[in-house]
Amino acid sequence: MKVRVKLYAMLADYLPAGAVKNEVDVELPEGTAVSEALASLQMPIEQCHLVLVNGVFIAPSERSARRLAEGDALAVWPPVAGG
């Protein structure tokens, strides 16, 4: 299945080849969990602070249970610091 992955800030370094700006379509097996998709991109899990699927927040405790579907958009932001 094809899923659109959008990685923001420093996480964009983990996008595979073929990414345009901060997003890319990736091919994943049917029923891939959010946590499995993140692991396939080899991102440090502690850097995956805000995770959305189709604009809906996925809490860390739900990421291994939430399955992706064809055409989903997975967006991830790292922790943000500021002042």
Protein backbone atom coordinates (compact mmCIF):
# COMPACT_ATOMS: atom_id res chain seq x y z
CA MET A 1 0.00 0.00 0.00
CA LYS A 2 1.12 3.56 -0.61
CA VAL A 3 1.32 6.02 2.31
CA ARG A 4 2.40 9.68 2.17
CA VAL A 5 5.07 10.39 4.81
CA LYS A 6 5.73 13.98 5.89
CA LEU A 7 8.66 14.64 8.22
CA TYR A 8 9.30 18.06 9.70
CA ALA A 9 12.34 19.95 11.02
CA MET A 10 15.40 17.74 11.59
CA LEU A 11 13.38 14.57 10.93
CA ALA A 12 13.41 15.39 7.21
CA ASP A 13 16.91 13.88 7.18
CA TYR A 14 15.25 10.45 7.52
CA LEU A 15 13.21 10.74 4.33
CA PRO A 16 14.13 8.17 1.68
CA ALA A 17 15.42 9.10 -1.75
CA GLY A 18 12.84 10.70 -4.00
CA ALA A 19 11.42 13.01 -1.34
CA VAL A 20 10.26 16.42 -2.50
CA LYS A 21 10.58 19.11 0.15
CA ASN A 22 9.55 17.26 3.31
CA GLU A 23 7.37 14.45 1.96
CA VAL A 24 7.45 11.23 0.00
CA ASP A 25 5.13 8.36 -0.89
CA VAL A 26 6.37 5.07 0.52
CA GLU A 27 5.26 1.54 -0.19
CA LEU A 28 4.42 -0.44 2.97
CA PRO A 29 2.87 -3.87 3.55
CA GLU A 30 -0.91 -3.89 4.14
CA GLY A 31 -1.76 -3.38 7.80
CA THR A 32 1.53 -1.75 8.79
CA ALA A 33 1.29 -0.14 12.24
CA VAL A 34 2.33 3.47 12.73
CA SER A 35 5.21 2.31 14.94
CA GLU A 36 6.39 -0.11 12.23
CA ALA A 37 6.29 2.63 9.60
CA LEU A 38 8.40 4.89 11.81
CA ALA A 39 10.87 2.06 12.48
CA SER A 40 11.17 1.36 8.74
CA LEU A 41 12.48 4.92 8.31
CA GLN A 42 15.05 4.27 11.07
CA MET A 43 14.00 7.34 13.03
CA PRO A 44 14.88 7.50 16.73
CA ILE A 45 11.57 6.93 18.49
CA GLU A 46 12.34 9.60 21.10
CA GLN A 47 12.45 12.13 18.27
CA CYS A 48 8.94 11.25 17.07
CA HIS A 49 7.09 13.61 19.38
CA LEU A 50 3.96 14.63 17.48
CA VAL A 51 2.54 11.97 15.16
CA LEU A 52 -0.58 12.51 13.07
CA VAL A 53 -2.41 10.20 10.68
CA ASN A 54 -4.69 12.13 8.34
CA GLY A 55 -4.51 15.07 10.74
CA VAL A 56 -5.48 13.04 13.83
CA PHE A 57 -3.04 12.83 16.77
CA ILE A 58 -1.75 9.33 17.53
CA ALA A 59 -0.56 9.04 21.14
CA PRO A 60 2.63 7.05 21.78
CA SER A 61 0.58 4.33 23.51
CA GLU A 62 -1.56 3.90 20.35
CA ARG A 63 1.18 3.79 17.71
CA SER A 64 1.65 0.03 17.70
CA ALA A 65 -2.10 -0.63 17.48
CA ARG A 66 -3.04 2.02 14.88
CA ARG A 67 -2.82 0.46 11.41
CA LEU A 68 -2.22 2.50 8.29
CA ALA A 69 -4.35 2.15 5.17
CA GLU A 70 -3.81 2.89 1.49
CA GLY A 71 -3.60 6.64 0.91
CA ASP A 72 -3.07 7.64 4.54
CA ALA A 73 -0.86 10.63 5.36
CA LEU A 74 1.60 10.11 8.22
CA ALA A 75 3.10 13.36 9.57
CA VAL A 76 5.79 13.52 12.28
CA TRP A 77 7.38 16.40 14.21
CA PRO A 78 10.29 16.24 16.65
CA PRO A 79 10.15 17.79 20.14
CA VAL A 80 10.18 21.57 19.91
CA ALA A 81 12.09 23.86 22.21
CA GLY A 82 11.78 27.58 22.30
CA GLY A 83 11.62 30.57 24.45
